[in-house]
């Protein structure tokens, strides 16, 4: 991101592309409400759809629920990490699973961050910005 620009100033085609994997419609809308103003979002409802979308257009970041109807976010993390074209894509787990064991399993599977639902939209957005900064993601400004 160029100096002097805020995320809201960036043209939609230059915003970070975030793939959100969430099967619950209400939770999807919560994520949309928290992020749509700042990022270009694509949504998947399950594991297979997410893998297809991630291969079709490699996202800058993946936010996924752990519990999916056709698998889980941990398997998605592992699959994403095995593919050369997506192995470095940052992954954030967004889930109601809150135990230490759940978090350890998430990080072990390849997640870069772990956010527990319900989430505060400001903190969620700040953690995505932090993850992008750590991973060195830049917007596509020319």
N, C-alpha and C. Protein backbone atom coordinates (compact mmCIF):
# COMPACT_ATOMS: atom_id res chain seq x y z
N UNK A 1 0.84 -1.16 0.00
CA UNK A 1 0.00 0.00 0.00
C UNK A 1 0.89 1.23 0.00
N UNK A 2 0.63 2.16 -0.86
CA UNK A 2 1.44 3.36 -0.96
C UNK A 2 1.23 4.24 0.27
N UNK A 3 2.26 4.99 0.66
CA UNK A 3 2.14 5.90 1.78
C UNK A 3 1.09 6.95 1.48
N UNK A 4 0.36 7.36 2.51
CA UNK A 4 -0.65 8.38 2.33
C UNK A 4 -2.01 7.84 1.93
N UNK A 5 -2.12 6.55 1.70
CA UNK A 5 -3.40 5.94 1.33
C UNK A 5 -3.93 5.16 2.51
N UNK A 6 -5.25 5.19 2.67
CA UNK A 6 -5.88 4.30 3.62
C UNK A 6 -6.54 3.20 2.82
N UNK A 7 -6.91 2.13 3.49
CA UNK A 7 -7.51 1.00 2.78
C UNK A 7 -8.75 1.44 2.03
N UNK A 8 -9.56 2.31 2.62
CA UNK A 8 -10.78 2.77 1.96
C UNK A 8 -10.52 3.56 0.70
N UNK A 9 -9.31 4.14 0.56
CA UNK A 9 -8.97 4.93 -0.62
C UNK A 9 -8.57 4.07 -1.81
N UNK A 10 -8.29 2.82 -1.61
CA UNK A 10 -7.78 1.96 -2.68
C UNK A 10 -8.93 1.52 -3.57
N UNK A 11 -8.70 1.63 -4.87
CA UNK A 11 -9.72 1.22 -5.83
C UNK A 11 -10.03 -0.27 -5.64
N UNK A 12 -11.30 -0.67 -5.84
CA UNK A 12 -11.68 -2.08 -5.61
C UNK A 12 -10.78 -3.08 -6.33
N UNK A 13 -10.34 -2.78 -7.54
CA UNK A 13 -9.52 -3.74 -8.27
C UNK A 13 -8.11 -3.88 -7.68
N UNK A 14 -7.73 -2.97 -6.79
CA UNK A 14 -6.42 -3.03 -6.16
C UNK A 14 -6.46 -3.51 -4.71
N UNK A 15 -7.64 -3.83 -4.22
CA UNK A 15 -7.77 -4.28 -2.84
C UNK A 15 -7.32 -5.73 -2.69
N UNK A 16 -6.97 -6.08 -1.45
CA UNK A 16 -6.65 -7.46 -1.15
C UNK A 16 -7.84 -8.34 -1.46
N UNK A 17 -7.56 -9.50 -2.05
CA UNK A 17 -8.62 -10.48 -2.35
C UNK A 17 -8.66 -11.50 -1.23
N UNK A 18 -9.82 -11.58 -0.58
CA UNK A 18 -9.99 -12.48 0.57
C UNK A 18 -11.03 -13.53 0.21
N UNK A 19 -10.63 -14.78 0.33
CA UNK A 19 -11.55 -15.90 0.17
C UNK A 19 -12.07 -16.25 1.56
N UNK A 20 -13.39 -16.15 1.72
CA UNK A 20 -14.04 -16.46 2.99
C UNK A 20 -14.76 -17.79 2.84
N UNK A 21 -14.44 -18.74 3.69
CA UNK A 21 -15.04 -20.07 3.63
C UNK A 21 -15.90 -20.23 4.88
N UNK A 22 -17.21 -20.16 4.66
CA UNK A 22 -18.17 -20.18 5.77
C UNK A 22 -19.49 -20.73 5.27
N UNK A 23 -20.00 -21.75 5.91
CA UNK A 23 -21.25 -22.37 5.46
C UNK A 23 -22.49 -21.75 6.09
N UNK A 24 -22.33 -21.05 7.19
CA UNK A 24 -23.47 -20.45 7.87
C UNK A 24 -23.80 -19.09 7.25
N UNK A 25 -25.01 -18.92 6.69
CA UNK A 25 -25.36 -17.65 6.03
C UNK A 25 -25.25 -16.43 6.95
N UNK A 26 -25.67 -16.55 8.19
CA UNK A 26 -25.59 -15.41 9.11
C UNK A 26 -24.13 -15.04 9.40
N UNK A 27 -23.29 -16.04 9.58
CA UNK A 27 -21.86 -15.78 9.83
C UNK A 27 -21.21 -15.16 8.60
N UNK A 28 -21.61 -15.64 7.40
CA UNK A 28 -21.09 -15.06 6.15
C UNK A 28 -21.43 -13.58 6.08
N UNK A 29 -22.66 -13.24 6.44
CA UNK A 29 -23.08 -11.84 6.39
C UNK A 29 -22.33 -11.01 7.43
N UNK A 30 -22.01 -11.59 8.57
CA UNK A 30 -21.21 -10.89 9.57
C UNK A 30 -19.82 -10.56 9.06
N UNK A 31 -19.22 -11.51 8.37
CA UNK A 31 -17.89 -11.28 7.77
C UNK A 31 -18.00 -10.24 6.66
N UNK A 32 -19.03 -10.38 5.84
CA UNK A 32 -19.24 -9.40 4.75
C UNK A 32 -19.36 -7.99 5.33
N UNK A 33 -20.15 -7.85 6.38
CA UNK A 33 -20.33 -6.54 7.00
C UNK A 33 -19.04 -5.97 7.57
N UNK A 34 -18.20 -6.83 8.10
CA UNK A 34 -16.94 -6.39 8.70
C UNK A 34 -15.88 -6.05 7.67
N UNK A 35 -15.91 -6.71 6.49
CA UNK A 35 -14.77 -6.60 5.57
C UNK A 35 -15.07 -6.01 4.19
N UNK A 36 -16.31 -6.03 3.75
CA UNK A 36 -16.61 -5.69 2.34
C UNK A 36 -16.16 -4.29 1.95
N UNK A 37 -16.16 -3.37 2.87
CA UNK A 37 -15.75 -2.00 2.55
C UNK A 37 -14.26 -1.89 2.24
N UNK A 38 -13.49 -2.84 2.75
CA UNK A 38 -12.03 -2.73 2.67
C UNK A 38 -11.35 -3.75 1.76
N UNK A 39 -12.04 -4.85 1.46
CA UNK A 39 -11.41 -5.94 0.72
C UNK A 39 -12.35 -6.44 -0.38
N UNK A 40 -11.77 -7.09 -1.37
CA UNK A 40 -12.57 -7.78 -2.38
C UNK A 40 -12.79 -9.20 -1.86
N UNK A 41 -14.05 -9.55 -1.65
CA UNK A 41 -14.39 -10.82 -1.03
C UNK A 41 -14.96 -11.81 -2.03
N UNK A 42 -14.59 -13.08 -1.85
CA UNK A 42 -15.21 -14.21 -2.54
C UNK A 42 -15.61 -15.18 -1.44
N UNK A 43 -16.75 -15.82 -1.64
CA UNK A 43 -17.28 -16.71 -0.61
C UNK A 43 -17.40 -18.13 -1.12
N UNK A 44 -17.09 -19.06 -0.24
CA UNK A 44 -17.30 -20.49 -0.49
C UNK A 44 -18.01 -21.05 0.73
N UNK A 45 -18.87 -22.05 0.48
CA UNK A 45 -19.63 -22.65 1.57
C UNK A 45 -19.02 -23.95 2.10
N UNK A 46 -18.04 -24.49 1.37
CA UNK A 46 -17.47 -25.76 1.79
C UNK A 46 -16.05 -25.94 1.31
N UNK A 47 -15.49 -27.05 1.72
CA UNK A 47 -14.09 -27.37 1.42
C UNK A 47 -13.81 -27.46 -0.08
N UNK A 48 -14.59 -28.23 -0.80
CA UNK A 48 -14.33 -28.43 -2.24
C UNK A 48 -14.45 -27.13 -3.02
N UNK A 49 -15.51 -26.37 -2.72
CA UNK A 49 -15.71 -25.09 -3.40
C UNK A 49 -14.54 -24.15 -3.10
N UNK A 50 -14.09 -24.13 -1.86
CA UNK A 50 -12.97 -23.27 -1.47
C UNK A 50 -11.70 -23.64 -2.23
N UNK A 51 -11.42 -24.93 -2.33
CA UNK A 51 -10.22 -25.36 -3.05
C UNK A 51 -10.31 -24.97 -4.52
N UNK A 52 -11.50 -25.14 -5.12
CA UNK A 52 -11.68 -24.75 -6.52
C UNK A 52 -11.46 -23.25 -6.71
N UNK A 53 -12.06 -22.44 -5.84
CA UNK A 53 -11.91 -20.98 -5.95
C UNK A 53 -10.47 -20.55 -5.71
N UNK A 54 -9.79 -21.19 -4.76
CA UNK A 54 -8.40 -20.83 -4.47
C UNK A 54 -7.48 -21.14 -5.63
N UNK A 55 -7.80 -22.18 -6.38
CA UNK A 55 -6.99 -22.53 -7.56
C UNK A 55 -7.34 -21.66 -8.76
N UNK A 56 -8.61 -21.28 -8.86
CA UNK A 56 -9.09 -20.47 -9.97
C UNK A 56 -8.47 -19.08 -9.95
N UNK A 57 -8.49 -18.46 -8.79
CA UNK A 57 -7.89 -17.14 -8.61
C UNK A 57 -7.28 -17.13 -7.22
N UNK A 58 -5.98 -17.19 -7.17
CA UNK A 58 -5.29 -17.31 -5.89
C UNK A 58 -5.58 -16.07 -5.04
N UNK A 59 -6.18 -16.28 -3.87
CA UNK A 59 -6.50 -15.14 -3.00
C UNK A 59 -5.25 -14.62 -2.29
N UNK A 60 -5.34 -13.39 -1.81
CA UNK A 60 -4.26 -12.83 -1.00
C UNK A 60 -4.32 -13.37 0.42
N UNK A 61 -5.53 -13.78 0.84
CA UNK A 61 -5.76 -14.25 2.20
C UNK A 61 -6.97 -15.17 2.20
N UNK A 62 -6.95 -16.19 3.04
CA UNK A 62 -8.10 -17.08 3.21
C UNK A 62 -8.55 -16.99 4.67
N UNK A 63 -9.84 -16.78 4.86
CA UNK A 63 -10.47 -16.81 6.17
C UNK A 63 -11.43 -17.98 6.14
N UNK A 64 -11.24 -18.95 7.03
CA UNK A 64 -12.10 -20.14 6.98
C UNK A 64 -12.59 -20.57 8.36
N UNK A 65 -13.81 -21.04 8.36
CA UNK A 65 -14.39 -21.71 9.52
C UNK A 65 -13.72 -23.09 9.61
N UNK A 66 -13.69 -23.66 10.81
CA UNK A 66 -13.15 -25.00 10.97
C UNK A 66 -14.20 -26.03 10.56
N UNK A 67 -15.43 -25.85 11.01
CA UNK A 67 -16.51 -26.82 10.74
C UNK A 67 -17.20 -26.50 9.42
N UNK A 68 -16.95 -27.35 8.43
CA UNK A 68 -17.55 -27.18 7.10
C UNK A 68 -18.37 -28.42 6.77
N UNK A 69 -19.38 -28.28 5.93
CA UNK A 69 -20.26 -29.42 5.65
C UNK A 69 -19.58 -30.60 4.96
N UNK A 70 -18.54 -30.35 4.20
CA UNK A 70 -17.89 -31.43 3.45
C UNK A 70 -16.43 -31.63 3.85
N UNK A 71 -16.09 -31.24 5.06
CA UNK A 71 -14.72 -31.38 5.53
C UNK A 71 -14.51 -30.39 6.65
N UNK A 72 -13.30 -29.93 6.80
CA UNK A 72 -13.07 -28.89 7.80
C UNK A 72 -11.96 -27.95 7.38
N UNK A 73 -11.90 -26.83 8.07
CA UNK A 73 -10.90 -25.81 7.77
C UNK A 73 -9.48 -26.28 7.99
N UNK A 74 -9.30 -27.25 8.87
CA UNK A 74 -7.95 -27.79 9.09
C UNK A 74 -7.48 -28.54 7.85
N UNK A 75 -8.37 -29.32 7.25
CA UNK A 75 -8.03 -30.01 6.00
C UNK A 75 -7.77 -29.00 4.90
N UNK A 76 -8.54 -27.92 4.87
CA UNK A 76 -8.31 -26.86 3.88
C UNK A 76 -6.92 -26.26 4.06
N UNK A 77 -6.54 -25.98 5.31
CA UNK A 77 -5.19 -25.45 5.57
C UNK A 77 -4.13 -26.39 5.02
N UNK A 78 -4.26 -27.65 5.33
CA UNK A 78 -3.27 -28.64 4.89
C UNK A 78 -3.22 -28.71 3.36
N UNK A 79 -4.39 -28.71 2.70
CA UNK A 79 -4.42 -28.76 1.24
C UNK A 79 -3.80 -27.51 0.62
N UNK A 80 -4.10 -26.36 1.18
CA UNK A 80 -3.55 -25.09 0.67
C UNK A 80 -2.03 -25.10 0.81
N UNK A 81 -1.53 -25.59 1.93
CA UNK A 81 -0.08 -25.63 2.16
C UNK A 81 0.64 -26.62 1.25
N UNK A 82 -0.05 -27.64 0.75
CA UNK A 82 0.57 -28.64 -0.13
C UNK A 82 0.69 -28.16 -1.58
N UNK A 83 -0.06 -27.15 -1.97
CA UNK A 83 -0.06 -26.69 -3.36
C UNK A 83 0.99 -25.59 -3.55
N UNK A 84 1.91 -25.76 -4.47
CA UNK A 84 2.96 -24.75 -4.66
C UNK A 84 2.43 -23.34 -4.93
N UNK A 85 1.32 -23.23 -5.65
CA UNK A 85 0.80 -21.90 -6.00
C UNK A 85 0.12 -21.20 -4.81
N UNK A 86 -0.26 -21.95 -3.77
CA UNK A 86 -0.96 -21.34 -2.63
C UNK A 86 -0.25 -21.58 -1.29
N UNK A 87 0.88 -22.25 -1.30
CA UNK A 87 1.50 -22.64 -0.03
C UNK A 87 1.83 -21.47 0.89
N UNK A 88 2.04 -20.30 0.35
CA UNK A 88 2.39 -19.14 1.18
C UNK A 88 1.20 -18.22 1.44
N UNK A 89 0.02 -18.59 0.96
CA UNK A 89 -1.18 -17.78 1.18
C UNK A 89 -1.52 -17.78 2.67
N UNK A 90 -1.66 -16.59 3.26
CA UNK A 90 -2.02 -16.54 4.68
C UNK A 90 -3.42 -17.12 4.91
N UNK A 91 -3.57 -17.84 6.01
CA UNK A 91 -4.85 -18.45 6.36
C UNK A 91 -5.20 -18.07 7.79
N UNK A 92 -6.43 -17.56 7.95
CA UNK A 92 -6.95 -17.23 9.25
C UNK A 92 -8.15 -18.15 9.53
N UNK A 93 -8.12 -18.84 10.65
CA UNK A 93 -9.28 -19.62 11.07
C UNK A 93 -10.20 -18.70 11.86
N UNK A 94 -11.48 -18.74 11.55
CA UNK A 94 -12.51 -17.96 12.22
C UNK A 94 -13.56 -18.95 12.68
N UNK A 95 -13.60 -19.25 13.98
CA UNK A 95 -14.39 -20.37 14.45
C UNK A 95 -14.88 -20.17 15.88
N UNK A 96 -15.89 -20.92 16.24
CA UNK A 96 -16.39 -20.91 17.61
C UNK A 96 -15.56 -21.84 18.50
N UNK A 97 -14.73 -22.67 17.91
CA UNK A 97 -13.88 -23.57 18.70
C UNK A 97 -12.82 -22.74 19.42
N UNK A 98 -12.80 -22.82 20.75
CA UNK A 98 -11.99 -21.88 21.51
C UNK A 98 -10.98 -22.49 22.46
N UNK A 99 -10.86 -23.82 22.49
CA UNK A 99 -9.93 -24.42 23.45
C UNK A 99 -8.49 -24.26 22.97
N UNK A 100 -7.58 -24.42 23.89
CA UNK A 100 -6.15 -24.38 23.53
C UNK A 100 -5.85 -25.49 22.53
N UNK A 101 -6.43 -26.67 22.73
CA UNK A 101 -6.19 -27.79 21.82
C UNK A 101 -6.68 -27.45 20.40
N UNK A 102 -7.83 -26.77 20.30
CA UNK A 102 -8.34 -26.36 19.00
C UNK A 102 -7.37 -25.40 18.32
N UNK A 103 -6.88 -24.45 19.07
CA UNK A 103 -5.94 -23.47 18.50
C UNK A 103 -4.63 -24.15 18.06
N UNK A 104 -4.12 -25.02 18.89
CA UNK A 104 -2.89 -25.75 18.53
C UNK A 104 -3.12 -26.56 17.26
N UNK A 105 -4.28 -27.24 17.17
CA UNK A 105 -4.59 -28.01 15.96
C UNK A 105 -4.65 -27.10 14.74
N UNK A 106 -5.20 -25.91 14.90
CA UNK A 106 -5.28 -24.96 13.78
C UNK A 106 -3.91 -24.51 13.31
N UNK A 107 -3.07 -24.13 14.25
CA UNK A 107 -1.72 -23.70 13.87
C UNK A 107 -0.91 -24.86 13.29
N UNK A 108 -1.08 -26.04 13.85
CA UNK A 108 -0.37 -27.22 13.35
C UNK A 108 -0.79 -27.56 11.92
N UNK A 109 -2.06 -27.33 11.60
CA UNK A 109 -2.57 -27.61 10.25
C UNK A 109 -2.10 -26.58 9.23
N UNK A 110 -1.56 -25.45 9.70
CA UNK A 110 -1.04 -24.46 8.77
C UNK A 110 -1.67 -23.09 8.85
N UNK A 111 -2.56 -22.86 9.81
CA UNK A 111 -3.16 -21.53 9.95
C UNK A 111 -2.12 -20.53 10.46
N UNK A 112 -2.26 -19.29 10.00
CA UNK A 112 -1.38 -18.21 10.45
C UNK A 112 -1.98 -17.42 11.59
N UNK A 113 -3.31 -17.47 11.72
CA UNK A 113 -3.99 -16.75 12.78
C UNK A 113 -5.26 -17.51 13.14
N UNK A 114 -5.80 -17.21 14.31
CA UNK A 114 -6.95 -17.94 14.84
C UNK A 114 -7.83 -16.94 15.56
N UNK A 115 -9.05 -16.73 15.07
CA UNK A 115 -9.98 -15.78 15.66
C UNK A 115 -11.21 -16.55 16.11
N UNK A 116 -11.63 -16.30 17.35
CA UNK A 116 -12.78 -17.00 17.92
C UNK A 116 -14.05 -16.15 17.74
N UNK A 117 -15.13 -16.82 17.30
CA UNK A 117 -16.44 -16.18 17.19
C UNK A 117 -17.10 -16.18 18.55
N UNK A 118 -17.93 -15.22 18.87
CA UNK A 118 -18.19 -14.03 18.05
C UNK A 118 -16.98 -13.11 18.09
N UNK A 119 -16.82 -12.33 17.03
CA UNK A 119 -15.66 -11.46 16.93
C UNK A 119 -16.08 -10.00 16.89
N UNK A 120 -15.17 -9.14 17.30
CA UNK A 120 -15.36 -7.70 17.17
C UNK A 120 -14.86 -7.31 15.78
N UNK A 121 -15.68 -6.64 15.00
CA UNK A 121 -15.33 -6.30 13.62
C UNK A 121 -14.05 -5.49 13.52
N UNK A 122 -13.85 -4.56 14.44
CA UNK A 122 -12.64 -3.72 14.39
C UNK A 122 -11.39 -4.55 14.64
N UNK A 123 -11.45 -5.43 15.62
CA UNK A 123 -10.31 -6.29 15.93
C UNK A 123 -10.05 -7.27 14.79
N UNK A 124 -11.10 -7.83 14.23
CA UNK A 124 -10.99 -8.75 13.10
C UNK A 124 -10.29 -8.07 11.93
N UNK A 125 -10.73 -6.88 11.60
CA UNK A 125 -10.13 -6.11 10.51
C UNK A 125 -8.66 -5.80 10.82
N UNK A 126 -8.38 -5.40 12.06
CA UNK A 126 -7.00 -5.09 12.45
C UNK A 126 -6.10 -6.31 12.34
N UNK A 127 -6.62 -7.49 12.69
CA UNK A 127 -5.80 -8.71 12.60
C UNK A 127 -5.54 -9.08 11.15
N UNK A 128 -6.49 -8.84 10.28
CA UNK A 128 -6.26 -9.09 8.86
C UNK A 128 -5.18 -8.14 8.34
N UNK A 129 -5.24 -6.88 8.71
CA UNK A 129 -4.20 -5.92 8.30
C UNK A 129 -2.84 -6.36 8.83
N UNK A 130 -2.78 -6.81 10.09
CA UNK A 130 -1.53 -7.28 10.68
C UNK A 130 -1.00 -8.49 9.92
N UNK A 131 -1.85 -9.44 9.64
CA UNK A 131 -1.44 -10.63 8.92
C UNK A 131 -0.91 -10.26 7.53
N UNK A 132 -1.58 -9.33 6.86
CA UNK A 132 -1.12 -8.87 5.54
C UNK A 132 0.25 -8.22 5.66
N UNK A 133 0.44 -7.41 6.69
CA UNK A 133 1.73 -6.75 6.86
C UNK A 133 2.83 -7.77 7.14
N UNK A 134 2.56 -8.73 8.01
CA UNK A 134 3.55 -9.76 8.33
C UNK A 134 3.91 -10.56 7.09
N UNK A 135 2.92 -10.89 6.29
CA UNK A 135 3.15 -11.69 5.09
C UNK A 135 3.65 -10.87 3.91
N UNK A 136 3.71 -9.54 4.07
CA UNK A 136 4.23 -8.69 3.01
C UNK A 136 3.30 -8.55 1.83
N UNK A 137 1.99 -8.64 2.07
CA UNK A 137 1.03 -8.51 0.98
C UNK A 137 0.90 -7.03 0.63
N UNK A 138 1.03 -6.75 -0.62
CA UNK A 138 0.87 -5.40 -1.14
C UNK A 138 -0.35 -5.34 -2.03
N UNK A 139 -0.98 -4.17 -2.09
CA UNK A 139 -2.08 -4.01 -3.04
C UNK A 139 -1.49 -3.88 -4.43
N UNK A 140 -2.29 -4.11 -5.42
CA UNK A 140 -1.83 -4.07 -6.80
C UNK A 140 -1.98 -2.66 -7.38
N UNK A 141 -1.30 -1.69 -6.78
CA UNK A 141 -1.34 -0.32 -7.29
C UNK A 141 -0.22 -0.15 -8.30
N UNK A 142 -0.51 0.49 -9.38
CA UNK A 142 0.53 0.75 -10.41
C UNK A 142 0.96 2.20 -10.35
